[in-house]
Every structure is written in structure tokens, then in C-alpha cells.
PDB file of all heavy atoms in Angstrom:
ATOM      1  N   GLN A   1      -4.672 -18.154 -10.621  1.00  0.00           N
ATOM      2  CA  GLN A   1      -4.270 -17.152 -11.616  1.00  0.00           C
ATOM      3  C   GLN A   1      -3.324 -16.106 -11.041  1.00  0.00           C
ATOM      4  O   GLN A   1      -2.511 -15.536 -11.775  1.00  0.00           O
ATOM      5  CB  GLN A   1      -5.507 -16.449 -12.190  1.00  0.00           C
ATOM      6  CG  GLN A   1      -6.515 -17.382 -12.838  1.00  0.00           C
ATOM      7  CD  GLN A   1      -5.909 -18.245 -13.927  1.00  0.00           C
ATOM      8  OE1 GLN A   1      -5.155 -17.762 -14.764  1.00  0.00           O
ATOM      9  NE2 GLN A   1      -6.243 -19.532 -13.904  1.00  0.00           N
ATOM     10  N   GLY A   2      -3.430 -15.842  -9.752  1.00  0.00           N
ATOM     11  CA  GLY A   2      -2.587 -14.818  -9.145  1.00  0.00           C
ATOM     12  C   GLY A   2      -2.969 -14.566  -7.699  1.00  0.00           C
ATOM     13  O   GLY A   2      -3.806 -15.276  -7.127  1.00  0.00           O
ATOM     14  N   GLU A   3      -2.366 -13.553  -7.115  1.00  0.00           N
ATOM     15  CA  GLU A   3      -2.600 -13.225  -5.711  1.00  0.00           C
ATOM     16  C   GLU A   3      -4.071 -12.838  -5.524  1.00  0.00           C
ATOM     17  O   GLU A   3      -4.566 -11.930  -6.194  1.00  0.00           O
ATOM     18  CB  GLU A   3      -1.691 -12.072  -5.292  1.00  0.00           C
ATOM     19  CG  GLU A   3      -1.615 -11.861  -3.798  1.00  0.00           C
ATOM     20  CD  GLU A   3      -0.594 -10.814  -3.414  1.00  0.00           C
ATOM     21  OE1 GLU A   3      -0.156 -10.036  -4.302  1.00  0.00           O
ATOM     22  OE2 GLU A   3      -0.239 -10.762  -2.228  1.00  0.00           O
ATOM     23  N   SER A   4      -4.742 -13.532  -4.613  1.00  0.00           N
ATOM     24  CA  SER A   4      -6.187 -13.357  -4.470  1.00  0.00           C
ATOM     25  C   SER A   4      -6.572 -13.138  -3.015  1.00  0.00           C
ATOM     26  O   SER A   4      -5.977 -13.725  -2.109  1.00  0.00           O
ATOM     27  CB  SER A   4      -6.934 -14.583  -5.012  1.00  0.00           C
ATOM     28  OG  SER A   4      -6.639 -14.786  -6.380  1.00  0.00           O
ATOM     29  N   PHE A   5      -7.584 -12.301  -2.830  1.00  0.00           N
ATOM     30  CA  PHE A   5      -8.085 -11.973  -1.497  1.00  0.00           C
ATOM     31  C   PHE A   5      -9.604 -12.029  -1.527  1.00  0.00           C
ATOM     32  O   PHE A   5     -10.229 -11.820  -2.568  1.00  0.00           O
ATOM     33  CB  PHE A   5      -7.627 -10.574  -1.076  1.00  0.00           C
ATOM     34  CG  PHE A   5      -6.138 -10.396  -1.101  1.00  0.00           C
ATOM     35  CD1 PHE A   5      -5.494  -9.981  -2.267  1.00  0.00           C
ATOM     36  CD2 PHE A   5      -5.373 -10.660   0.018  1.00  0.00           C
ATOM     37  CE1 PHE A   5      -4.121  -9.828  -2.309  1.00  0.00           C
ATOM     38  CE2 PHE A   5      -3.995 -10.511  -0.003  1.00  0.00           C
ATOM     39  CZ  PHE A   5      -3.368 -10.092  -1.167  1.00  0.00           C
ATOM     40  N   ALA A   6     -10.192 -12.299  -0.371  1.00  0.00           N
ATOM     41  CA  ALA A   6     -11.647 -12.380  -0.280  1.00  0.00           C
ATOM     42  C   ALA A   6     -12.146 -11.523   0.868  1.00  0.00           C
ATOM     43  O   ALA A   6     -11.465 -11.335   1.884  1.00  0.00           O
ATOM     44  CB  ALA A   6     -12.095 -13.821  -0.069  1.00  0.00           C
ATOM     45  N   ALA A   7     -13.359 -11.015   0.686  1.00  0.00           N
ATOM     46  CA  ALA A   7     -14.088 -10.345   1.766  1.00  0.00           C
ATOM     47  C   ALA A   7     -15.449 -11.012   1.862  1.00  0.00           C
ATOM     48  O   ALA A   7     -16.062 -11.330   0.838  1.00  0.00           O
ATOM     49  CB  ALA A   7     -14.257  -8.861   1.472  1.00  0.00           C
ATOM     50  N   THR A   8     -15.901 -11.264   3.083  1.00  0.00           N
ATOM     51  CA  THR A   8     -17.234 -11.826   3.286  1.00  0.00           C
ATOM     52  C   THR A   8     -17.985 -10.964   4.291  1.00  0.00           C
ATOM     53  O   THR A   8     -17.397 -10.458   5.254  1.00  0.00           O
ATOM     54  CB  THR A   8     -17.164 -13.278   3.796  1.00  0.00           C
ATOM     55  OG1 THR A   8     -16.268 -13.353   4.915  1.00  0.00           O
ATOM     56  CG2 THR A   8     -16.666 -14.210   2.711  1.00  0.00           C
ATOM     57  N   GLU A   9     -19.278 -10.816   4.051  1.00  0.00           N
ATOM     58  CA  GLU A   9     -20.087  -9.972   4.927  1.00  0.00           C
ATOM     59  C   GLU A   9     -20.091 -10.483   6.361  1.00  0.00           C
ATOM     60  O   GLU A   9     -20.130  -9.692   7.311  1.00  0.00           O
ATOM     61  CB  GLU A   9     -21.513  -9.878   4.385  1.00  0.00           C
ATOM     62  CG  GLU A   9     -21.624  -9.120   3.072  1.00  0.00           C
ATOM     63  CD  GLU A   9     -23.043  -9.095   2.533  1.00  0.00           C
ATOM     64  OE1 GLU A   9     -23.982  -9.466   3.278  1.00  0.00           O
ATOM     65  OE2 GLU A   9     -23.236  -8.702   1.363  1.00  0.00           O
ATOM     66  N   ASP A  10     -20.051 -11.821   6.518  1.00  0.00           N
ATOM     67  CA  ASP A  10     -20.104 -12.375   7.872  1.00  0.00           C
ATOM     68  C   ASP A  10     -18.726 -12.708   8.450  1.00  0.00           C
ATOM     69  O   ASP A  10     -18.624 -13.224   9.556  1.00  0.00           O
ATOM     70  CB  ASP A  10     -20.999 -13.622   7.901  1.00  0.00           C
ATOM     71  CG  ASP A  10     -20.462 -14.761   7.039  1.00  0.00           C
ATOM     72  OD1 ASP A  10     -19.376 -14.600   6.428  1.00  0.00           O
ATOM     73  OD2 ASP A  10     -21.127 -15.815   6.976  1.00  0.00           O
ATOM     74  N   GLY A  11     -17.675 -12.423   7.684  1.00  0.00           N
ATOM     75  CA  GLY A  11     -16.325 -12.660   8.186  1.00  0.00           C
ATOM     76  C   GLY A  11     -15.892 -14.111   8.182  1.00  0.00           C
ATOM     77  O   GLY A  11     -14.852 -14.453   8.746  1.00  0.00           O
ATOM     78  N   SER A  12     -16.642 -14.984   7.527  1.00  0.00           N
ATOM     79  CA  SER A  12     -16.317 -16.413   7.551  1.00  0.00           C
ATOM     80  C   SER A  12     -15.076 -16.753   6.726  1.00  0.00           C
ATOM     81  O   SER A  12     -14.400 -17.747   6.998  1.00  0.00           O
ATOM     82  CB  SER A  12     -17.513 -17.231   7.046  1.00  0.00           C
ATOM     83  OG  SER A  12     -17.922 -16.781   5.758  1.00  0.00           O
ATOM     84  N   VAL A  13     -14.783 -15.949   5.708  1.00  0.00           N
ATOM     85  CA  VAL A  13     -13.590 -16.144   4.884  1.00  0.00           C
ATOM     86  C   VAL A  13     -12.960 -14.778   4.624  1.00  0.00           C
ATOM     87  O   VAL A  13     -13.657 -13.817   4.288  1.00  0.00           O
ATOM     88  CB  VAL A  13     -13.937 -16.805   3.537  1.00  0.00           C
ATOM     89  CG1 VAL A  13     -12.678 -16.953   2.679  1.00  0.00           C
ATOM     90  CG2 VAL A  13     -14.572 -18.170   3.738  1.00  0.00           C
ATOM     91  N   GLY A  14     -11.649 -14.690   4.806  1.00  0.00           N
ATOM     92  CA  GLY A  14     -10.942 -13.446   4.505  1.00  0.00           C
ATOM     93  C   GLY A  14     -11.351 -12.302   5.415  1.00  0.00           C
ATOM     94  O   GLY A  14     -11.653 -12.477   6.601  1.00  0.00           O
ATOM     95  N   THR A  15     -11.386 -11.110   4.843  1.00  0.00           N
ATOM     96  CA  THR A  15     -11.724  -9.899   5.592  1.00  0.00           C
ATOM     97  C   THR A  15     -13.223  -9.828   5.851  1.00  0.00           C
ATOM     98  O   THR A  15     -14.027 -10.096   4.958  1.00  0.00           O
ATOM     99  CB  THR A  15     -11.284  -8.657   4.785  1.00  0.00           C
ATOM    100  OG1 THR A  15      -9.875  -8.697   4.605  1.00  0.00           O
ATOM    101  CG2 THR A  15     -11.668  -7.373   5.509  1.00  0.00           C
ATOM    102  N   LYS A  16     -13.594  -9.455   7.038  1.00  0.00           N
ATOM    103  CA  LYS A  16     -15.008  -9.216   7.320  1.00  0.00           C
ATOM    104  C   LYS A  16     -15.384  -7.836   6.789  1.00  0.00           C
ATOM    105  O   LYS A  16     -14.799  -6.826   7.168  1.00  0.00           O
ATOM    106  CB  LYS A  16     -15.305  -9.289   8.815  1.00  0.00           C
ATOM    107  CG  LYS A  16     -16.790  -9.102   9.136  1.00  0.00           C
ATOM    108  CD  LYS A  16     -17.095  -9.278  10.603  1.00  0.00           C
ATOM    109  CE  LYS A  16     -18.605  -9.145  10.856  1.00  0.00           C
ATOM    110  NZ  LYS A  16     -18.969  -9.357  12.274  1.00  0.00           N
ATOM    111  N   GLY A  17     -16.351  -7.821   5.880  1.00  0.00           N
ATOM    112  CA  GLY A  17     -16.767  -6.549   5.288  1.00  0.00           C
ATOM    113  C   GLY A  17     -16.853  -6.665   3.784  1.00  0.00           C
ATOM    114  O   GLY A  17     -17.254  -7.696   3.254  1.00  0.00           O
ATOM    115  N   ASN A  18     -16.466  -5.598   3.093  1.00  0.00           N
ATOM    116  CA  ASN A  18     -16.573  -5.566   1.637  1.00  0.00           C
ATOM    117  C   ASN A  18     -15.194  -5.544   0.987  1.00  0.00           C
ATOM    118  O   ASN A  18     -14.163  -5.608   1.670  1.00  0.00           O
ATOM    119  CB  ASN A  18     -17.430  -4.376   1.197  1.00  0.00           C
ATOM    120  CG  ASN A  18     -16.862  -3.044   1.678  1.00  0.00           C
ATOM    121  OD1 ASN A  18     -15.645  -2.835   1.700  1.00  0.00           O
ATOM    122  ND2 ASN A  18     -17.741  -2.132   2.071  1.00  0.00           N
ATOM    123  N   VAL A  19     -15.176  -5.447  -0.335  1.00  0.00           N
ATOM    124  CA  VAL A  19     -13.906  -5.520  -1.056  1.00  0.00           C
ATOM    125  C   VAL A  19     -12.976  -4.361  -0.702  1.00  0.00           C
ATOM    126  O   VAL A  19     -11.752  -4.548  -0.646  1.00  0.00           O
ATOM    127  CB  VAL A  19     -14.149  -5.590  -2.582  1.00  0.00           C
ATOM    128  CG1 VAL A  19     -14.782  -6.922  -2.963  1.00  0.00           C
ATOM    129  CG2 VAL A  19     -14.999  -4.423  -3.079  1.00  0.00           C
ATOM    130  N   LEU A  20     -13.516  -3.192  -0.461  1.00  0.00           N
ATOM    131  CA  LEU A  20     -12.665  -2.070  -0.064  1.00  0.00           C
ATOM    132  C   LEU A  20     -12.065  -2.292   1.320  1.00  0.00           C
ATOM    133  O   LEU A  20     -10.924  -1.904   1.576  1.00  0.00           O
ATOM    134  CB  LEU A  20     -13.454  -0.762  -0.113  1.00  0.00           C
ATOM    135  CG  LEU A  20     -13.653  -0.161  -1.503  1.00  0.00           C
ATOM    136  CD1 LEU A  20     -14.553   1.066  -1.433  1.00  0.00           C
ATOM    137  CD2 LEU A  20     -12.315   0.200  -2.147  1.00  0.00           C
ATOM    138  N   ASP A  21     -12.821  -2.935   2.198  1.00  0.00           N
ATOM    139  CA  ASP A  21     -12.262  -3.289   3.503  1.00  0.00           C
ATOM    140  C   ASP A  21     -11.072  -4.226   3.337  1.00  0.00           C
ATOM    141  O   ASP A  21     -10.053  -4.096   4.033  1.00  0.00           O
ATOM    142  CB  ASP A  21     -13.323  -3.959   4.382  1.00  0.00           C
ATOM    143  CG  ASP A  21     -14.457  -3.017   4.770  1.00  0.00           C
ATOM    144  OD1 ASP A  21     -14.173  -1.826   4.990  1.00  0.00           O
ATOM    145  OD2 ASP A  21     -15.609  -3.471   4.833  1.00  0.00           O
ATOM    146  N   ALA A  22     -11.187  -5.173   2.399  1.00  0.00           N
ATOM    147  CA  ALA A  22     -10.088  -6.110   2.153  1.00  0.00           C
ATOM    148  C   ALA A  22      -8.873  -5.388   1.579  1.00  0.00           C
ATOM    149  O   ALA A  22      -7.731  -5.664   1.967  1.00  0.00           O
ATOM    150  CB  ALA A  22     -10.548  -7.219   1.208  1.00  0.00           C
ATOM    151  N   ILE A  23      -9.099  -4.463   0.649  1.00  0.00           N
ATOM    152  CA  ILE A  23      -7.998  -3.699   0.060  1.00  0.00           C
ATOM    153  C   ILE A  23      -7.252  -2.916   1.137  1.00  0.00           C
ATOM    154  O   ILE A  23      -6.011  -2.918   1.195  1.00  0.00           O
ATOM    155  CB  ILE A  23      -8.534  -2.758  -1.037  1.00  0.00           C
ATOM    156  CG1 ILE A  23      -8.938  -3.577  -2.270  1.00  0.00           C
ATOM    157  CG2 ILE A  23      -7.503  -1.696  -1.412  1.00  0.00           C
ATOM    158  CD1 ILE A  23      -9.682  -2.794  -3.327  1.00  0.00           C
ATOM    159  N   ARG A  24      -8.006  -2.279   2.009  1.00  0.00           N
ATOM    160  CA  ARG A  24      -7.376  -1.470   3.060  1.00  0.00           C
ATOM    161  C   ARG A  24      -6.691  -2.349   4.102  1.00  0.00           C
ATOM    162  O   ARG A  24      -5.580  -2.038   4.553  1.00  0.00           O
ATOM    163  CB  ARG A  24      -8.430  -0.567   3.704  1.00  0.00           C
ATOM    164  CG  ARG A  24      -8.972   0.494   2.737  1.00  0.00           C
ATOM    165  CD  ARG A  24     -10.035   1.362   3.375  1.00  0.00           C
ATOM    166  NE  ARG A  24     -10.488   2.405   2.467  1.00  0.00           N
ATOM    167  CZ  ARG A  24     -11.740   2.549   2.030  1.00  0.00           C
ATOM    168  NH1 ARG A  24     -12.682   1.698   2.429  1.00  0.00           N
ATOM    169  NH2 ARG A  24     -12.060   3.537   1.214  1.00  0.00           N
ATOM    170  N   GLU A  25      -7.344  -3.451   4.492  1.00  0.00           N
ATOM    171  CA  GLU A  25      -6.765  -4.331   5.511  1.00  0.00           C
ATOM    172  C   GLU A  25      -5.451  -4.951   5.029  1.00  0.00           C
ATOM    173  O   GLU A  25      -4.493  -5.089   5.806  1.00  0.00           O
ATOM    174  CB  GLU A  25      -7.746  -5.446   5.865  1.00  0.00           C
ATOM    175  CG  GLU A  25      -7.236  -6.403   6.940  1.00  0.00           C
ATOM    176  CD  GLU A  25      -8.275  -7.436   7.324  1.00  0.00           C
ATOM    177  OE1 GLU A  25      -9.101  -7.139   8.204  1.00  0.00           O
ATOM    178  OE2 GLU A  25      -8.266  -8.532   6.726  1.00  0.00           O
ATOM    179  N   GLN A  26      -5.387  -5.294   3.752  1.00  0.00           N
ATOM    180  CA  GLN A  26      -4.193  -5.928   3.202  1.00  0.00           C
ATOM    181  C   GLN A  26      -3.157  -4.920   2.694  1.00  0.00           C
ATOM    182  O   GLN A  26      -2.063  -5.318   2.280  1.00  0.00           O
ATOM    183  CB  GLN A  26      -4.589  -6.871   2.062  1.00  0.00           C
ATOM    184  CG  GLN A  26      -5.518  -8.002   2.465  1.00  0.00           C
ATOM    185  CD  GLN A  26      -4.858  -8.981   3.422  1.00  0.00           C
ATOM    186  OE1 GLN A  26      -3.644  -9.166   3.410  1.00  0.00           O
ATOM    187  NE2 GLN A  26      -5.670  -9.612   4.270  1.00  0.00           N
ATOM    188  N   GLY A  27      -3.519  -3.639   2.694  1.00  0.00           N
ATOM    189  CA  GLY A  27      -2.585  -2.613   2.216  1.00  0.00           C
ATOM    190  C   GLY A  27      -2.289  -2.739   0.727  1.00  0.00           C
ATOM    191  O   GLY A  27      -1.165  -2.499   0.287  1.00  0.00           O
ATOM    192  N   LEU A  28      -3.292  -3.096  -0.044  1.00  0.00           N
ATOM    193  CA  LEU A  28      -3.098  -3.329  -1.476  1.00  0.00           C
ATOM    194  C   LEU A  28      -3.099  -2.013  -2.251  1.00  0.00           C
ATOM    195  O   LEU A  28      -3.784  -1.056  -1.889  1.00  0.00           O
ATOM    196  CB  LEU A  28      -4.203  -4.238  -2.014  1.00  0.00           C
ATOM    197  CG  LEU A  28      -4.403  -5.568  -1.283  1.00  0.00           C
ATOM    198  CD1 LEU A  28      -5.539  -6.352  -1.930  1.00  0.00           C
ATOM    199  CD2 LEU A  28      -3.125  -6.385  -1.261  1.00  0.00           C
ATOM    200  N   GLU A  29      -2.332  -2.005  -3.341  1.00  0.00           N
ATOM    201  CA  GLU A  29      -2.262  -0.817  -4.193  1.00  0.00           C
ATOM    202  C   GLU A  29      -2.301  -1.229  -5.660  1.00  0.00           C
ATOM    203  O   GLU A  29      -1.804  -2.290  -6.035  1.00  0.00           O
ATOM    204  CB  GLU A  29      -0.967  -0.031  -3.920  1.00  0.00           C
ATOM    205  CG  GLU A  29      -0.893   0.574  -2.521  1.00  0.00           C
ATOM    206  CD  GLU A  29       0.374   1.386  -2.319  1.00  0.00           C
ATOM    207  OE1 GLU A  29       1.269   1.315  -3.195  1.00  0.00           O
ATOM    208  OE2 GLU A  29       0.476   2.085  -1.297  1.00  0.00           O
ATOM    209  N   ALA A  30      -2.905  -0.373  -6.472  1.00  0.00           N
ATOM    210  CA  ALA A  30      -2.969  -0.622  -7.912  1.00  0.00           C
ATOM    211  C   ALA A  30      -3.135   0.713  -8.620  1.00  0.00           C
ATOM    212  O   ALA A  30      -3.308   1.764  -7.986  1.00  0.00           O
ATOM    213  CB  ALA A  30      -4.116  -1.563  -8.254  1.00  0.00           C
ATOM    214  N   GLU A  31      -3.089   0.655  -9.957  1.00  0.00           N
ATOM    215  CA  GLU A  31      -3.235   1.856 -10.782  1.00  0.00           C
ATOM    216  C   GLU A  31      -4.566   1.912 -11.510  1.00  0.00           C
ATOM    217  O   GLU A  31      -4.952   2.974 -12.009  1.00  0.00           O
ATOM    218  CB  GLU A  31      -2.101   1.911 -11.809  1.00  0.00           C
ATOM    219  CG  GLU A  31      -0.718   1.961 -11.202  1.00  0.00           C
ATOM    220  CD  GLU A  31       0.350   1.694 -12.242  1.00  0.00           C
ATOM    221  OE1 GLU A  31       0.695   0.511 -12.449  1.00  0.00           O
ATOM    222  OE2 GLU A  31       0.818   2.682 -12.854  1.00  0.00           O
ATOM    223  N   ILE A  32      -5.248   0.772 -11.601  1.00  0.00           N
ATOM    224  CA  ILE A  32      -6.491   0.719 -12.365  1.00  0.00           C
ATOM    225  C   ILE A  32      -7.389  -0.369 -11.772  1.00  0.00           C
ATOM    226  O   ILE A  32      -6.889  -1.341 -11.195  1.00  0.00           O
ATOM    227  CB  ILE A  32      -6.201   0.443 -13.862  1.00  0.00           C
ATOM    228  CG1 ILE A  32      -7.452   0.632 -14.725  1.00  0.00           C
ATOM    229  CG2 ILE A  32      -5.580  -0.929 -14.070  1.00  0.00           C
ATOM    230  CD1 ILE A  32      -7.157   0.657 -16.217  1.00  0.00           C
ATOM    231  N   ILE A  33      -8.695  -0.169 -11.907  1.00  0.00           N
ATOM    232  CA  ILE A  33      -9.677  -1.123 -11.393  1.00  0.00           C
ATOM    233  C   ILE A  33     -10.528  -1.656 -12.540  1.00  0.00           C
ATOM    234  O   ILE A  33     -10.996  -0.887 -13.380  1.00  0.00           O
ATOM    235  CB  ILE A  33     -10.609  -0.463 -10.352  1.00  0.00           C
ATOM    236  CG1 ILE A  33      -9.833  -0.041  -9.096  1.00  0.00           C
ATOM    237  CG2 ILE A  33     -11.763  -1.403  -9.968  1.00  0.00           C
ATOM    238  CD1 ILE A  33     -10.660   0.799  -8.135  1.00  0.00           C
ATOM    239  N   TYR A  34     -10.715  -2.976 -12.554  1.00  0.00           N
ATOM    240  CA  TYR A  34     -11.711  -3.622 -13.417  1.00  0.00           C
ATOM    241  C   TYR A  34     -12.664  -4.355 -12.479  1.00  0.00           C
ATOM    242  O   TYR A  34     -12.217  -5.160 -11.653  1.00  0.00           O
ATOM    243  CB  TYR A  34     -11.068  -4.615 -14.374  1.00  0.00           C
ATOM    244  CG  TYR A  34      -9.984  -4.017 -15.248  1.00  0.00           C
ATOM    245  CD1 TYR A  34      -8.638  -4.295 -15.003  1.00  0.00           C
ATOM    246  CD2 TYR A  34     -10.304  -3.186 -16.317  1.00  0.00           C
ATOM    247  CE1 TYR A  34      -7.646  -3.752 -15.800  1.00  0.00           C
ATOM    248  CE2 TYR A  34      -9.312  -2.633 -17.115  1.00  0.00           C
ATOM    249  CZ  TYR A  34      -7.978  -2.922 -16.856  1.00  0.00           C
ATOM    250  OH  TYR A  34      -6.990  -2.375 -17.640  1.00  0.00           O
TER     251      TYR A  34
END
């Protein structure tokens, strides 16, 4: 559907940590959250 990122608690896929860790690690920006 579009650009996608993942966070996993154990670091097995994508960013290790939570969704905010992934947002910060990837330098993502937006105007609204759903």
C-alpha cells in the first residue's frame, strides 16, 4: 500500500524497540497520526 516500517521488541525485524523508535531512527515526519 505504501512506504512501510516495522519495529520489533527483540530487534528481529526493522528497528529494535517501539514504533516511536522506528519513527526517530528513520527520520520520519507527518502532520497527523492514526
